[in-house]
N, C-alpha and C. Protein backbone atom coordinates (compact mmCIF):
# COMPACT_ATOMS: atom_id res chain seq x y z
N MET A 1 0.82 -1.19 0.00
CA MET A 1 0.00 0.00 0.00
C MET A 1 0.87 1.26 0.00
N GLU A 2 1.96 1.23 0.78
CA GLU A 2 2.84 2.39 0.84
C GLU A 2 3.49 2.65 -0.51
N THR A 3 3.83 1.59 -1.21
CA THR A 3 4.46 1.74 -2.53
C THR A 3 3.48 2.36 -3.52
N VAL A 4 2.22 1.96 -3.42
CA VAL A 4 1.21 2.51 -4.32
C VAL A 4 1.03 4.00 -4.05
N LEU A 5 0.92 4.38 -2.78
CA LEU A 5 0.75 5.79 -2.44
C LEU A 5 1.98 6.61 -2.82
N ALA A 6 3.16 6.05 -2.60
CA ALA A 6 4.38 6.75 -2.99
C ALA A 6 4.46 6.92 -4.50
N SER A 7 4.09 5.90 -5.24
CA SER A 7 4.10 5.98 -6.70
C SER A 7 3.09 7.01 -7.20
N LEU A 8 1.91 7.02 -6.59
CA LEU A 8 0.88 7.99 -6.96
C LEU A 8 1.36 9.41 -6.67
N GLY A 9 1.97 9.60 -5.52
CA GLY A 9 2.50 10.93 -5.18
C GLY A 9 3.59 11.36 -6.14
N LEU A 10 4.48 10.46 -6.50
CA LEU A 10 5.54 10.77 -7.46
C LEU A 10 4.96 11.10 -8.83
N PHE A 11 3.96 10.36 -9.25
CA PHE A 11 3.31 10.61 -10.54
C PHE A 11 2.67 12.00 -10.56
N ILE A 12 1.99 12.36 -9.49
CA ILE A 12 1.35 13.68 -9.42
C ILE A 12 2.40 14.78 -9.43
N CYS A 13 3.50 14.59 -8.71
CA CYS A 13 4.57 15.60 -8.69
C CYS A 13 5.19 15.77 -10.08
N VAL A 14 5.44 14.66 -10.77
CA VAL A 14 6.01 14.74 -12.12
C VAL A 14 5.02 15.42 -13.07
N LEU A 15 3.74 15.10 -12.94
CA LEU A 15 2.72 15.72 -13.77
C LEU A 15 2.67 17.24 -13.54
N LEU A 16 2.73 17.66 -12.29
CA LEU A 16 2.72 19.09 -11.98
C LEU A 16 4.00 19.77 -12.48
N LEU A 17 5.13 19.07 -12.40
CA LEU A 17 6.39 19.62 -12.90
C LEU A 17 6.33 19.81 -14.42
N VAL A 18 5.79 18.82 -15.11
CA VAL A 18 5.64 18.94 -16.56
C VAL A 18 4.69 20.08 -16.91
N ARG A 19 3.61 20.21 -16.15
CA ARG A 19 2.66 21.30 -16.40
C ARG A 19 3.33 22.66 -16.22
N MET A 20 4.19 22.80 -15.19
CA MET A 20 4.87 24.07 -14.98
C MET A 20 5.85 24.38 -16.11
N ALA A 21 6.41 23.37 -16.74
CA ALA A 21 7.39 23.58 -17.81
C ALA A 21 6.73 23.94 -19.13
N LEU A 22 5.43 23.73 -19.26
CA LEU A 22 4.75 24.00 -20.52
C LEU A 22 4.60 25.50 -20.75
N ARG A 23 4.46 25.87 -22.01
CA ARG A 23 4.15 27.24 -22.37
C ARG A 23 2.72 27.55 -21.95
N PRO A 24 2.38 28.82 -21.81
CA PRO A 24 1.02 29.17 -21.35
C PRO A 24 -0.09 28.60 -22.21
N ARG A 25 0.06 28.63 -23.52
CA ARG A 25 -1.01 28.09 -24.39
C ARG A 25 -1.17 26.59 -24.20
N ALA A 26 -0.05 25.88 -24.11
CA ALA A 26 -0.12 24.43 -23.90
C ALA A 26 -0.68 24.11 -22.52
N ARG A 27 -0.32 24.93 -21.53
CA ARG A 27 -0.85 24.74 -20.17
C ARG A 27 -2.36 24.94 -20.17
N GLU A 28 -2.85 25.97 -20.88
CA GLU A 28 -4.30 26.20 -20.97
C GLU A 28 -4.99 25.01 -21.64
N ARG A 29 -4.37 24.49 -22.70
CA ARG A 29 -4.95 23.34 -23.40
C ARG A 29 -5.02 22.12 -22.47
N LEU A 30 -3.95 21.88 -21.71
CA LEU A 30 -3.94 20.76 -20.76
C LEU A 30 -4.99 20.95 -19.67
N ASP A 31 -5.12 22.18 -19.18
CA ASP A 31 -6.13 22.45 -18.16
C ASP A 31 -7.54 22.24 -18.71
N ARG A 32 -7.75 22.64 -19.98
CA ARG A 32 -9.06 22.45 -20.60
C ARG A 32 -9.39 20.97 -20.71
N VAL A 33 -8.40 20.15 -21.08
CA VAL A 33 -8.61 18.71 -21.17
C VAL A 33 -8.96 18.15 -19.78
N GLY A 34 -8.25 18.62 -18.76
CA GLY A 34 -8.54 18.17 -17.40
C GLY A 34 -9.93 18.54 -16.95
N ARG A 35 -10.36 19.77 -17.29
CA ARG A 35 -11.72 20.19 -16.92
C ARG A 35 -12.76 19.36 -17.66
N THR A 36 -12.47 19.02 -18.92
CA THR A 36 -13.40 18.20 -19.70
C THR A 36 -13.53 16.81 -19.09
N LEU A 37 -12.39 16.22 -18.74
CA LEU A 37 -12.44 14.89 -18.13
C LEU A 37 -13.18 14.92 -16.80
N ARG A 38 -12.91 15.95 -16.01
CA ARG A 38 -13.58 16.06 -14.72
C ARG A 38 -15.08 16.24 -14.91
N GLY A 39 -15.45 17.02 -15.93
CA GLY A 39 -16.87 17.24 -16.20
C GLY A 39 -17.58 15.96 -16.60
N GLN A 40 -16.85 15.04 -17.21
CA GLN A 40 -17.44 13.77 -17.62
C GLN A 40 -17.41 12.74 -16.50
N GLY A 41 -16.80 13.08 -15.40
CA GLY A 41 -16.76 12.15 -14.28
C GLY A 41 -15.68 11.10 -14.39
N VAL A 42 -14.68 11.29 -15.27
CA VAL A 42 -13.65 10.29 -15.47
C VAL A 42 -12.44 10.56 -14.59
N ALA A 43 -12.25 11.81 -14.18
CA ALA A 43 -11.05 12.19 -13.45
C ALA A 43 -11.01 11.53 -12.08
N LEU A 44 -9.82 11.19 -11.66
CA LEU A 44 -9.62 10.57 -10.35
C LEU A 44 -10.06 11.50 -9.24
N TYR A 45 -9.79 12.78 -9.40
CA TYR A 45 -10.17 13.74 -8.37
C TYR A 45 -11.67 13.74 -8.15
N GLY A 46 -12.43 13.76 -9.23
CA GLY A 46 -13.88 13.75 -9.11
C GLY A 46 -14.38 12.48 -8.45
N TRP A 47 -13.75 11.37 -8.78
CA TRP A 47 -14.15 10.10 -8.18
C TRP A 47 -13.87 10.09 -6.68
N LEU A 48 -12.65 10.55 -6.30
CA LEU A 48 -12.32 10.59 -4.88
C LEU A 48 -13.19 11.58 -4.12
N ALA A 49 -13.44 12.75 -4.71
CA ALA A 49 -14.29 13.74 -4.05
C ALA A 49 -15.69 13.18 -3.84
N GLY A 50 -16.22 12.50 -4.83
CA GLY A 50 -17.54 11.90 -4.69
C GLY A 50 -17.56 10.82 -3.62
N LEU A 51 -16.50 10.02 -3.56
CA LEU A 51 -16.42 8.97 -2.54
C LEU A 51 -16.38 9.58 -1.14
N ILE A 52 -15.58 10.62 -0.96
CA ILE A 52 -15.50 11.27 0.35
C ILE A 52 -16.83 11.92 0.69
N ARG A 53 -17.45 12.57 -0.28
CA ARG A 53 -18.72 13.25 -0.04
C ARG A 53 -19.79 12.25 0.39
N ARG A 54 -19.79 11.06 -0.22
CA ARG A 54 -20.81 10.06 0.14
C ARG A 54 -20.57 9.49 1.52
N ARG A 55 -19.30 9.36 1.93
CA ARG A 55 -19.00 8.75 3.22
C ARG A 55 -19.12 9.73 4.39
N ARG A 56 -18.99 11.00 4.10
CA ARG A 56 -19.02 12.01 5.17
C ARG A 56 -20.45 12.17 5.68
N ALA A 57 -20.57 12.30 6.99
CA ALA A 57 -21.89 12.51 7.58
C ALA A 57 -22.38 13.91 7.20
N PRO A 58 -23.67 14.05 7.00
CA PRO A 58 -24.18 15.37 6.64
C PRO A 58 -23.95 16.35 7.78
N GLY A 59 -23.51 17.54 7.44
CA GLY A 59 -23.24 18.57 8.43
C GLY A 59 -24.51 19.32 8.81
N PRO A 60 -24.38 20.26 9.72
CA PRO A 60 -25.55 21.04 10.12
C PRO A 60 -25.99 21.95 8.98
N ALA A 61 -27.25 22.26 8.98
CA ALA A 61 -27.78 23.14 7.94
C ALA A 61 -27.22 24.54 8.12
N ARG A 62 -27.06 25.26 7.02
CA ARG A 62 -26.53 26.62 7.10
C ARG A 62 -27.55 27.51 7.78
N PRO A 63 -27.10 28.37 8.69
CA PRO A 63 -28.04 29.24 9.38
C PRO A 63 -28.58 30.32 8.43
N ASP A 64 -29.74 30.82 8.77
CA ASP A 64 -30.35 31.90 8.01
C ASP A 64 -29.53 33.17 8.22
N PRO A 65 -29.11 33.85 7.15
CA PRO A 65 -28.27 35.05 7.32
C PRO A 65 -28.95 36.14 8.14
N LYS A 66 -30.26 36.30 7.98
CA LYS A 66 -30.98 37.33 8.75
C LYS A 66 -30.97 36.98 10.23
N ALA A 67 -31.20 35.72 10.54
CA ALA A 67 -31.19 35.30 11.95
C ALA A 67 -29.80 35.44 12.54
N ALA A 68 -28.77 35.08 11.76
CA ALA A 68 -27.40 35.21 12.25
C ALA A 68 -27.05 36.67 12.51
N ARG A 69 -27.47 37.56 11.61
CA ARG A 69 -27.21 38.99 11.79
C ARG A 69 -27.91 39.51 13.05
N GLN A 70 -29.14 39.05 13.27
CA GLN A 70 -29.89 39.49 14.44
C GLN A 70 -29.23 38.98 15.73
N LEU A 71 -28.78 37.73 15.73
CA LEU A 71 -28.09 37.20 16.91
C LEU A 71 -26.80 37.97 17.19
N ALA A 72 -26.08 38.32 16.13
CA ALA A 72 -24.84 39.08 16.31
C ALA A 72 -25.14 40.47 16.88
N GLN A 73 -26.18 41.12 16.38
CA GLN A 73 -26.53 42.44 16.89
C GLN A 73 -26.94 42.37 18.36
N GLU A 74 -27.67 41.32 18.73
CA GLU A 74 -28.06 41.16 20.14
C GLU A 74 -26.83 40.94 21.02
N ALA A 75 -25.88 40.15 20.54
CA ALA A 75 -24.66 39.91 21.32
C ALA A 75 -23.86 41.19 21.48
N ILE A 76 -23.79 41.99 20.43
CA ILE A 76 -23.07 43.27 20.52
C ILE A 76 -23.78 44.20 21.50
N ARG A 77 -25.10 44.24 21.42
CA ARG A 77 -25.86 45.10 22.35
C ARG A 77 -25.64 44.68 23.79
N ARG A 78 -25.65 43.37 24.04
CA ARG A 78 -25.42 42.90 25.41
C ARG A 78 -24.01 43.25 25.87
N ALA A 79 -23.04 43.12 24.98
CA ALA A 79 -21.66 43.41 25.36
C ALA A 79 -21.44 44.89 25.61
N ARG A 80 -22.16 45.72 24.90
CA ARG A 80 -21.94 47.16 25.03
C ARG A 80 -22.75 47.80 26.16
N GLY A 81 -23.63 47.13 26.76
CA GLY A 81 -24.35 47.78 27.86
C GLY A 81 -25.70 47.19 28.16
N GLY A 82 -25.83 45.91 28.07
CA GLY A 82 -27.08 45.28 28.44
C GLY A 82 -27.29 45.36 29.95
N SER A 83 -28.36 44.79 30.41
CA SER A 83 -28.69 44.90 31.83
C SER A 83 -27.68 44.17 32.72
N SER A 84 -27.10 43.08 32.24
CA SER A 84 -26.17 42.33 33.07
C SER A 84 -24.72 42.74 32.84
N ALA A 85 -24.47 43.67 31.93
CA ALA A 85 -23.10 44.06 31.62
C ALA A 85 -22.56 44.98 32.72
N PRO A 86 -21.28 44.92 33.05
CA PRO A 86 -20.71 45.81 34.04
C PRO A 86 -20.71 47.25 33.53
N GLN A 87 -20.78 48.19 34.45
CA GLN A 87 -20.80 49.60 34.09
C GLN A 87 -19.40 50.06 33.73
N GLY A 88 -19.31 50.90 32.72
CA GLY A 88 -18.01 51.41 32.30
C GLY A 88 -18.16 52.29 31.08
N GLU A 89 -17.03 52.59 30.45
CA GLU A 89 -17.03 53.46 29.28
C GLU A 89 -16.35 52.75 28.12
N TRP A 90 -16.84 53.04 26.93
CA TRP A 90 -16.24 52.51 25.73
C TRP A 90 -15.36 53.58 25.10
N ASP A 91 -14.12 53.22 24.77
CA ASP A 91 -13.20 54.10 24.07
C ASP A 91 -12.84 53.40 22.77
N GLY A 92 -13.64 53.63 21.73
CA GLY A 92 -13.48 52.87 20.50
C GLY A 92 -13.95 51.45 20.74
N ASN A 93 -13.06 50.49 20.63
CA ASN A 93 -13.43 49.10 20.91
C ASN A 93 -12.83 48.62 22.24
N VAL A 94 -12.37 49.56 23.08
CA VAL A 94 -11.79 49.22 24.38
C VAL A 94 -12.80 49.57 25.47
N PHE A 95 -13.13 48.62 26.33
CA PHE A 95 -14.06 48.85 27.43
C PHE A 95 -13.26 49.09 28.70
N ARG A 96 -13.53 50.19 29.37
CA ARG A 96 -12.86 50.53 30.63
C ARG A 96 -13.90 50.54 31.74
N PRO A 97 -13.90 49.52 32.59
CA PRO A 97 -14.90 49.46 33.66
C PRO A 97 -14.68 50.55 34.70
N ARG A 98 -15.78 51.01 35.27
CA ARG A 98 -15.69 52.00 36.34
C ARG A 98 -15.35 51.29 37.65
N GLY A 99 -14.70 52.02 38.55
CA GLY A 99 -14.39 51.47 39.86
C GLY A 99 -13.06 50.73 39.91
N VAL A 100 -12.26 50.84 38.86
CA VAL A 100 -10.96 50.18 38.84
C VAL A 100 -9.90 51.26 38.89
N ASP A 101 -8.92 51.11 39.78
CA ASP A 101 -7.85 52.09 39.92
C ASP A 101 -6.77 51.77 38.89
N TRP A 102 -6.61 52.64 37.89
CA TRP A 102 -5.65 52.42 36.81
C TRP A 102 -4.35 53.19 37.04
N SER A 103 -4.20 53.85 38.20
CA SER A 103 -3.07 54.74 38.40
C SER A 103 -1.75 54.02 38.70
N GLY A 104 -1.78 52.92 39.41
CA GLY A 104 -0.54 52.27 39.83
C GLY A 104 -0.08 51.19 38.88
N PRO A 105 1.10 50.64 39.13
CA PRO A 105 1.59 49.55 38.29
C PRO A 105 0.77 48.29 38.55
N PRO A 106 0.72 47.40 37.60
CA PRO A 106 -0.05 46.17 37.81
C PRO A 106 0.59 45.32 38.90
N ALA A 107 -0.23 44.57 39.57
CA ALA A 107 0.26 43.69 40.63
C ALA A 107 1.12 42.59 40.02
N GLY A 108 2.19 42.24 40.71
CA GLY A 108 3.08 41.19 40.22
C GLY A 108 2.50 39.82 40.43
N ARG A 109 3.11 38.87 39.79
CA ARG A 109 2.68 37.48 39.98
C ARG A 109 3.32 36.94 41.22
N PRO A 110 2.76 35.90 41.80
CA PRO A 110 3.40 35.27 42.95
C PRO A 110 4.77 34.75 42.53
N GLY A 111 5.76 35.01 43.34
CA GLY A 111 7.12 34.57 43.04
C GLY A 111 7.95 35.66 42.40
N ASP A 112 7.36 36.83 42.14
CA ASP A 112 8.11 37.94 41.55
C ASP A 112 8.80 38.80 42.59
N GLU A 113 8.65 38.45 43.86
CA GLU A 113 9.27 39.24 44.91
C GLU A 113 10.79 39.16 44.78
N PRO A 114 11.51 40.25 45.09
CA PRO A 114 12.97 40.19 45.00
C PRO A 114 13.54 39.20 46.02
N ARG A 115 14.60 38.53 45.62
CA ARG A 115 15.23 37.56 46.52
C ARG A 115 16.36 38.23 47.28
N ASP A 116 16.60 37.77 48.46
CA ASP A 116 17.69 38.32 49.28
C ASP A 116 19.00 37.70 48.94
């Protein structure tokens, strides 16, 4: 199995190297052929993507954009001054709560005391 995967990886690398060496017109032609094959369902990538898609469990449904926008606005309103939010002032996007002494240096961590 490892040999097969290594061979496949080497083949893909050589294919990409050859594609990079081609002139732009030839590269476009090769890409067009690849898109045609993929469109017909013959390409390995399309087969693998389909296999993965079938095996993967269905994810959650996409939320309604209007509902998501409303939930975001409610969260912002609560953060900026809802009934349970602490009192303070907003300076741009920085919240400064009232009742906090900002004049002194911050308290050190335990163990920051000078040693004798």
